[in-house]
Amino acid sequence: MPIARGEWVRVPGPQAEMTLCLEFTVPPVRVSGPVRLWQGQAAPGRALALYRLPEGAFRLVHGEIDLTTGPDLGRTGETLSLRYRSCARGRGDILDIINHDRTQRHRVRTGLAVAARLDELLPRDERFLQVCQVAAIAGFGLPPSDLPGMSGQAVVMTRGGARAVDSLRVGNELVTATGARMPLRWIERRPRLCLGRSAPVRLRAPYFGLARDIWVTPETRVVRSGPAVEYIFGVEKVLVRAGDMTTIAGARRDRWKPVRHVHHLMLDDHACVMVDRCGIETALLADVIAAGDAKVASQLAETDRTPCLPVLDRAGAQALIGFKGRRVLG
């Protein structure tokens, strides 16, 4: 549930799993000591607290859990998101902090089984809501969804014709952007918080070769081609992250719903499936393993780590957008 100012919530007992999601802009440090960014309503020995330390590190304290990140994770003015998941069984616990401006990430297991209560996570003072652009609590373990993924209503090409993503099953043969047929090896439907930087990107028709609008996660990469791609990058096709294209008319953040369900797909090899005439990437095995809260990445083959096409970073994406914009204006 997103947290609104002034609303009253009945405090239940200990929960098997809970998740706190925050997004905030790092405030300036005006004192020599820590700056408190969040404090729960419960007694200090139980309440969760989050601090920014002078060297740019962050410290989270929750009961016996006491975790500190490395220095320089967040500088003044940068936007960070936090996902803290407690687990009474000690299997799904995680602290996951992402710096959206410098693409840095700190992920660590908490190492302790905790049956958290709602009052331990709810803010003690409404002024903490002024620090955070996004503050939400889930009464379950919210899994990571920062993987390539799309809405269940998106229609992809399969061996038997066009089908909605939410009707796909493992073993279905999908038609890739190269025309090859590949079996679907893994598909999972996960809830996703859709506020702030986590909001999905709506790809609007008729841009990108789409016949109808679809939405994808910001991490999803889309195939781009054409003279501008060949001129700037010297290759026929590239992959561009959807979250890096929101300055153009065809891609917009969609914050209409605070929570949505997203479908993640993986084939035998990394490939792009066809949604109308738009190539949308599937997940890499390395990304799926890395995103698992309770999983440890094992030794993987290079093909499980390597995208099927060259990938543009944020600067490359902006260069492509700027070049196309100049051509339109010119």
Protein backbone atom coordinates (compact mmCIF):
# COMPACT_ATOMS: atom_id res chain seq x y z
CA MET A 1 0.00 0.00 0.00
CA PRO A 2 1.28 3.50 -0.77
CA ILE A 3 1.46 5.60 2.40
CA ALA A 4 -0.70 8.72 2.43
CA ARG A 5 -0.38 11.58 4.89
CA GLY A 6 -2.83 11.46 7.76
CA GLU A 7 -4.34 8.05 7.07
CA TRP A 8 -4.87 5.67 10.00
CA VAL A 9 -3.90 2.02 9.67
CA ARG A 10 -4.76 -0.75 12.13
CA VAL A 11 -1.57 -2.44 13.32
CA PRO A 12 -1.65 -6.24 12.79
CA GLY A 13 0.58 -8.81 14.46
CA PRO A 14 3.89 -10.19 13.20
CA GLN A 15 3.96 -10.89 9.48
CA ALA A 16 5.70 -13.77 7.70
CA GLU A 17 7.09 -11.29 5.17
CA MET A 18 6.91 -7.52 4.66
CA THR A 19 8.49 -5.09 2.21
CA LEU A 20 9.29 -1.40 2.57
CA CYS A 21 9.91 0.55 -0.64
CA LEU A 22 11.28 4.10 -0.56
CA GLU A 23 12.46 6.51 -3.22
CA PHE A 24 14.16 9.73 -2.16
CA THR A 25 16.48 12.48 -3.29
CA VAL A 26 19.59 12.54 -1.12
CA PRO A 27 19.38 15.65 1.10
CA PRO A 28 22.40 17.84 1.86
CA VAL A 29 24.33 17.09 5.03
CA ARG A 30 24.26 20.16 7.27
CA VAL A 31 25.67 18.43 10.34
CA SER A 32 28.73 16.32 10.97
CA GLY A 33 26.74 13.27 12.07
CA PRO A 34 24.15 10.98 10.44
CA VAL A 35 20.91 12.34 8.93
CA ARG A 36 17.78 10.30 9.69
CA LEU A 37 15.70 9.67 6.57
CA TRP A 38 13.11 7.26 8.04
CA GLN A 39 11.98 6.13 11.48
CA GLY A 40 9.22 3.62 12.28
CA GLN A 41 6.42 4.18 14.79
CA ALA A 42 7.38 1.34 17.13
CA ALA A 43 9.72 1.58 20.10
CA PRO A 44 13.32 2.36 19.15
CA GLY A 45 14.42 -1.21 19.81
CA ARG A 46 11.95 -2.52 17.17
CA ALA A 47 11.40 0.33 14.73
CA LEU A 48 13.20 0.46 11.39
CA ALA A 49 15.47 3.45 10.90
CA LEU A 50 17.40 4.65 7.85
CA TYR A 51 20.31 7.09 8.05
CA ARG A 52 22.49 8.90 5.56
CA LEU A 53 26.09 8.98 6.80
CA PRO A 54 28.50 11.86 6.07
CA GLU A 55 30.66 9.85 3.65
CA GLY A 56 27.69 9.09 1.37
CA ALA A 57 26.97 5.68 2.90
CA PHE A 58 23.58 4.57 4.25
CA ARG A 59 22.76 2.65 7.41
CA LEU A 60 19.59 0.61 8.03
CA VAL A 61 18.73 -0.57 11.54
CA HIS A 62 15.80 -2.89 12.30
CA GLY A 63 15.90 -4.65 15.65
CA GLU A 64 19.07 -6.73 15.64
CA ILE A 65 19.67 -6.03 11.95
CA ASP A 66 22.31 -3.34 11.41
CA LEU A 67 23.54 -2.88 7.82
CA THR A 68 25.79 -0.18 6.36
CA THR A 69 26.58 0.32 2.67
CA GLY A 70 29.93 1.32 1.25
CA PRO A 71 30.81 5.04 0.95
CA ASP A 72 29.68 7.29 -1.92
CA LEU A 73 26.54 5.30 -2.71
CA GLY A 74 24.48 8.50 -2.74
CA ARG A 75 25.51 12.12 -3.25
CA THR A 76 23.43 15.20 -2.55
CA GLY A 77 20.70 15.62 -5.17
CA GLU A 78 20.86 12.06 -6.50
CA THR A 79 17.78 9.82 -6.57
CA LEU A 80 17.92 6.49 -4.76
CA SER A 81 15.38 3.73 -4.29
CA LEU A 82 15.34 1.23 -1.44
CA ARG A 83 13.62 -2.14 -1.14
CA TYR A 84 13.86 -3.79 2.27
CA ARG A 85 12.28 -7.20 2.65
CA SER A 86 11.91 -8.94 6.02
CA CYS A 87 11.29 -12.68 6.22
CA ALA A 88 10.35 -14.71 9.30
CA ARG A 89 11.90 -17.84 7.75
CA GLY A 90 15.18 -16.17 6.86
CA ARG A 91 14.93 -17.08 3.18
CA GLY A 92 13.78 -14.00 1.29
CA ASP A 93 15.32 -11.20 3.38
CA ILE A 94 17.14 -8.50 1.40
CA LEU A 95 18.29 -4.90 1.44
CA ASP A 96 18.45 -3.54 -2.10
CA ILE A 97 19.45 0.10 -2.76
CA ILE A 98 19.79 1.54 -6.28
CA ASN A 99 21.34 4.86 -7.30
CA HIS A 100 19.43 5.83 -10.45
CA ASP A 101 21.82 8.61 -11.47
CA ARG A 102 25.10 6.67 -11.44
CA THR A 103 23.74 3.15 -11.94
CA GLN A 104 25.16 1.88 -8.66
CA ARG A 105 23.57 -0.84 -6.57
CA HIS A 106 24.00 -2.33 -3.10
CA ARG A 107 22.30 -5.69 -2.49
CA VAL A 108 22.86 -7.74 0.62
CA ARG A 109 21.03 -10.39 2.62
CA THR A 110 20.17 -9.24 6.12
CA GLY A 111 21.20 -12.58 7.61
CA LEU A 112 18.48 -12.66 10.27
CA ALA A 113 14.94 -14.05 10.33
CA VAL A 114 12.52 -11.28 11.36
CA ALA A 115 8.71 -11.37 11.72
CA ALA A 116 8.11 -7.65 11.27
CA ARG A 117 5.06 -5.68 12.36
CA LEU A 118 3.46 -2.87 10.41
CA ASP A 119 4.18 -0.25 13.08
CA GLU A 120 7.89 -0.99 12.75
CA LEU A 121 7.84 0.26 9.15
CA LEU A 122 5.17 3.00 9.15
CA PRO A 123 6.69 6.49 9.60
CA ARG A 124 6.71 7.86 13.13
CA ASP A 125 6.32 11.42 11.83
CA GLU A 126 4.61 12.64 8.65
CA ARG A 127 7.62 14.83 7.93
CA PHE A 128 9.49 11.72 6.80
CA LEU A 129 7.04 11.61 3.88
CA GLN A 130 8.43 14.98 2.77
CA VAL A 131 11.85 13.38 2.39
CA CYS A 132 10.61 10.51 0.22
CA GLN A 133 8.88 10.92 -3.14
CA VAL A 134 7.68 7.31 -2.86
CA ALA A 135 6.89 5.36 0.32
CA ALA A 136 5.02 2.07 0.16
CA ILE A 137 4.63 -1.03 2.33
CA ALA A 138 3.61 -4.49 1.11
CA GLY A 139 2.29 -7.10 3.52
CA PHE A 140 4.21 -9.76 1.60
CA GLY A 141 7.69 -10.28 0.19
CA LEU A 142 7.78 -8.05 -2.89
CA PRO A 143 10.15 -9.79 -5.32
CA PRO A 144 12.52 -7.86 -7.56
CA SER A 145 11.04 -6.96 -10.93
CA ASP A 146 13.90 -4.94 -12.43
CA LEU A 147 14.06 -7.34 -15.36
CA PRO A 148 12.84 -7.09 -18.95
CA GLY A 149 9.09 -7.54 -18.74
CA MET A 150 5.82 -6.40 -20.25
CA SER A 151 2.11 -6.20 -19.63
CA GLY A 152 0.05 -9.35 -19.91
CA GLN A 153 -2.09 -7.79 -22.64
CA ALA A 154 0.87 -7.34 -25.00
CA VAL A 155 0.48 -9.58 -28.05
CA VAL A 156 3.53 -11.53 -29.24
CA MET A 157 4.04 -13.70 -32.29
CA THR A 158 4.14 -17.45 -31.72
CA ARG A 159 4.33 -20.45 -34.02
CA GLY A 160 0.54 -20.65 -33.90
CA GLY A 161 -0.05 -16.93 -34.43
CA ALA A 162 -0.44 -13.84 -32.24
CA ARG A 163 -1.10 -14.49 -28.53
CA ALA A 164 -1.40 -12.36 -25.43
CA VAL A 165 1.56 -12.69 -23.08
CA ASP A 166 -0.63 -13.71 -20.14
CA SER A 167 -1.82 -16.76 -22.12
CA LEU A 168 1.69 -18.09 -22.79
CA ARG A 169 2.95 -21.29 -21.19
CA VAL A 170 6.39 -22.85 -20.89
CA GLY A 171 7.13 -24.75 -24.10
CA ASN A 172 5.24 -22.41 -26.44
CA GLU A 173 7.35 -21.53 -29.49
CA LEU A 174 7.84 -17.78 -29.96
CA VAL A 175 8.93 -16.03 -33.15
CA THR A 176 12.00 -13.87 -32.55
CA ALA A 177 13.01 -10.66 -34.30
CA THR A 178 15.29 -12.68 -36.60
CA GLY A 179 12.42 -14.94 -37.66
CA ALA A 180 13.68 -17.92 -35.67
CA ARG A 181 11.39 -20.00 -33.47
CA MET A 182 12.48 -20.57 -29.89
CA PRO A 183 10.67 -22.36 -27.03
CA LEU A 184 9.67 -20.38 -23.97
CA ARG A 185 11.69 -21.80 -21.06
CA TRP A 186 10.53 -19.59 -18.20
CA ILE A 187 7.69 -17.15 -17.60
CA GLU A 188 6.71 -15.53 -14.31
CA ARG A 189 4.06 -13.02 -13.31
CA ARG A 190 5.27 -10.68 -10.55
CA PRO A 191 3.75 -7.69 -8.75
CA ARG A 192 5.60 -4.43 -9.33
CA LEU A 193 5.43 -1.10 -7.53
CA CYS A 194 4.72 1.43 -10.28
CA LEU A 195 5.57 4.74 -8.60
CA GLY A 196 8.52 7.07 -9.09
CA ARG A 197 11.45 5.61 -11.01
CA SER A 198 9.83 2.17 -10.81
CA ALA A 199 6.89 3.29 -12.95
CA PRO A 200 6.62 1.33 -16.21
CA VAL A 201 7.11 2.92 -19.61
CA ARG A 202 4.15 3.09 -21.96
CA LEU A 203 5.29 2.55 -25.55
CA ARG A 204 2.73 4.32 -27.69
CA ALA A 205 1.39 3.25 -31.06
CA PRO A 206 2.19 3.85 -33.87
CA TYR A 207 5.73 4.54 -32.65
CA PHE A 208 8.20 1.62 -32.64
CA GLY A 209 6.02 -0.26 -35.15
CA LEU A 210 3.30 -0.93 -32.58
CA ALA A 211 -0.35 -1.39 -33.52
CA ARG A 212 -1.50 -0.67 -29.96
CA ASP A 213 0.01 0.77 -26.80
CA ILE A 214 1.89 -1.56 -24.48
CA TRP A 215 3.81 -0.95 -21.27
CA VAL A 216 7.15 -2.44 -20.31
CA THR A 217 9.49 -2.19 -17.33
CA PRO A 218 12.06 0.62 -17.56
CA GLU A 219 14.79 -2.05 -17.72
CA THR A 220 13.33 -3.59 -20.89
CA ARG A 221 15.39 -2.92 -24.01
CA VAL A 222 13.81 -2.25 -27.38
CA VAL A 223 15.33 -2.90 -30.81
CA ARG A 224 16.19 0.28 -32.70
CA SER A 225 17.49 0.39 -36.26
CA GLY A 226 17.75 2.72 -39.22
CA PRO A 227 20.19 5.18 -40.80
CA ALA A 228 20.80 7.07 -37.53
CA VAL A 229 21.84 3.87 -35.73
CA GLU A 230 24.21 2.89 -38.54
CA TYR A 231 25.65 6.40 -38.81
CA ILE A 232 26.36 6.88 -35.09
CA PHE A 233 27.19 3.36 -33.93
CA GLY A 234 28.26 1.56 -37.09
CA VAL A 235 25.88 -1.37 -36.62
CA GLU A 236 22.51 -2.24 -38.11
CA LYS A 237 20.58 -2.73 -34.85
CA VAL A 238 20.99 -1.86 -31.17
CA LEU A 239 19.07 -2.34 -27.94
CA VAL A 240 17.89 0.76 -26.08
CA ARG A 241 16.56 0.72 -22.53
CA ALA A 242 12.93 1.90 -22.36
CA GLY A 243 13.68 4.04 -19.31
CA ASP A 244 16.23 6.00 -21.35
CA MET A 245 13.69 6.93 -24.05
CA THR A 246 11.08 8.77 -21.98
CA THR A 247 12.05 12.14 -23.44
CA ILE A 248 10.47 11.24 -26.80
CA ALA A 249 6.78 11.29 -27.69
CA GLY A 250 6.52 7.53 -28.14
CA ALA A 251 7.63 6.58 -24.62
CA ARG A 252 6.09 7.94 -21.41
CA ARG A 253 6.16 6.91 -17.76
CA ASP A 254 2.81 5.43 -16.73
CA ARG A 255 1.93 6.06 -13.08
CA TRP A 256 -1.79 5.47 -13.45
CA LYS A 257 -1.77 2.43 -11.10
CA PRO A 258 0.44 2.16 -8.01
CA VAL A 259 0.84 -1.62 -8.43
CA ARG A 260 0.73 -3.75 -11.56
CA HIS A 261 1.64 -7.28 -12.55
CA VAL A 262 4.45 -7.72 -15.04
CA HIS A 263 5.34 -10.82 -17.06
CA HIS A 264 9.00 -11.83 -17.41
CA LEU A 265 9.98 -14.19 -20.25
CA MET A 266 13.17 -16.17 -20.91
CA LEU A 267 14.10 -18.31 -23.92
CA ASP A 268 16.96 -20.79 -24.43
CA ASP A 269 19.14 -17.95 -25.69
CA HIS A 270 18.79 -14.20 -25.31
CA ALA A 271 16.53 -12.92 -28.08
CA CYS A 272 13.88 -10.35 -28.89
CA VAL A 273 10.27 -11.33 -29.41
CA MET A 274 8.00 -9.51 -31.82
CA VAL A 275 5.14 -7.34 -30.59
CA ASP A 276 3.58 -6.24 -33.87
CA ARG A 277 6.68 -4.91 -35.71
CA CYS A 278 8.56 -4.00 -32.53
CA GLY A 279 11.37 -6.15 -31.14
CA ILE A 280 11.24 -6.45 -27.32
CA GLU A 281 14.00 -8.28 -25.46
CA THR A 282 13.50 -11.28 -23.21
CA ALA A 283 15.47 -11.80 -19.99
CA LEU A 284 19.04 -13.03 -19.81
CA LEU A 285 19.65 -15.98 -17.50
CA ALA A 286 22.31 -13.93 -15.71
CA ASP A 287 19.76 -11.17 -15.03
CA VAL A 288 17.17 -13.64 -13.72
CA ILE A 289 19.67 -15.17 -11.29
CA ALA A 290 21.05 -11.78 -10.22
CA ALA A 291 17.55 -10.50 -9.48
CA GLY A 292 16.66 -13.41 -7.20
CA ASP A 293 16.64 -12.31 -3.55
CA ALA A 294 17.51 -15.71 -2.09
CA LYS A 295 19.61 -17.03 -4.97
CA VAL A 296 23.35 -17.01 -5.44
CA ALA A 297 24.74 -16.45 -8.92
CA SER A 298 26.65 -19.48 -10.14
CA GLN A 299 29.17 -19.87 -12.92
CA LEU A 300 27.37 -19.13 -16.18
CA ALA A 301 28.35 -19.53 -19.80
CA GLU A 302 29.23 -16.35 -21.66
CA THR A 303 26.11 -16.75 -23.82
CA ASP A 304 23.98 -16.52 -20.67
CA ARG A 305 25.51 -13.11 -19.91
CA THR A 306 25.75 -11.57 -23.39
CA PRO A 307 22.82 -9.69 -25.02
CA CYS A 308 21.89 -10.67 -28.56
CA LEU A 309 22.59 -7.13 -29.86
CA PRO A 310 24.84 -4.21 -28.87
CA VAL A 311 23.36 -2.31 -25.93
CA LEU A 312 23.39 1.49 -25.70
CA ASP A 313 24.11 3.11 -22.36
CA ARG A 314 22.19 6.21 -21.30
CA ALA A 315 24.58 8.56 -23.09
CA GLY A 316 24.31 6.54 -26.28
CA ALA A 317 20.52 6.54 -26.08
CA GLN A 318 20.45 10.32 -25.65
CA ALA A 319 22.85 10.73 -28.57
CA LEU A 320 20.51 8.70 -30.78
CA ILE A 321 17.46 10.65 -29.62
CA GLY A 322 19.25 13.96 -30.15
CA PHE A 323 20.40 12.99 -33.64
CA LYS A 324 16.90 11.99 -34.70
CA GLY A 325 15.51 15.18 -33.16
CA ARG A 326 17.92 17.33 -35.16
CA ARG A 327 16.92 15.55 -38.35
CA VAL A 328 13.23 16.19 -37.62
CA LEU A 329 13.88 19.86 -36.85
CA GLY A 330 16.20 20.22 -39.79
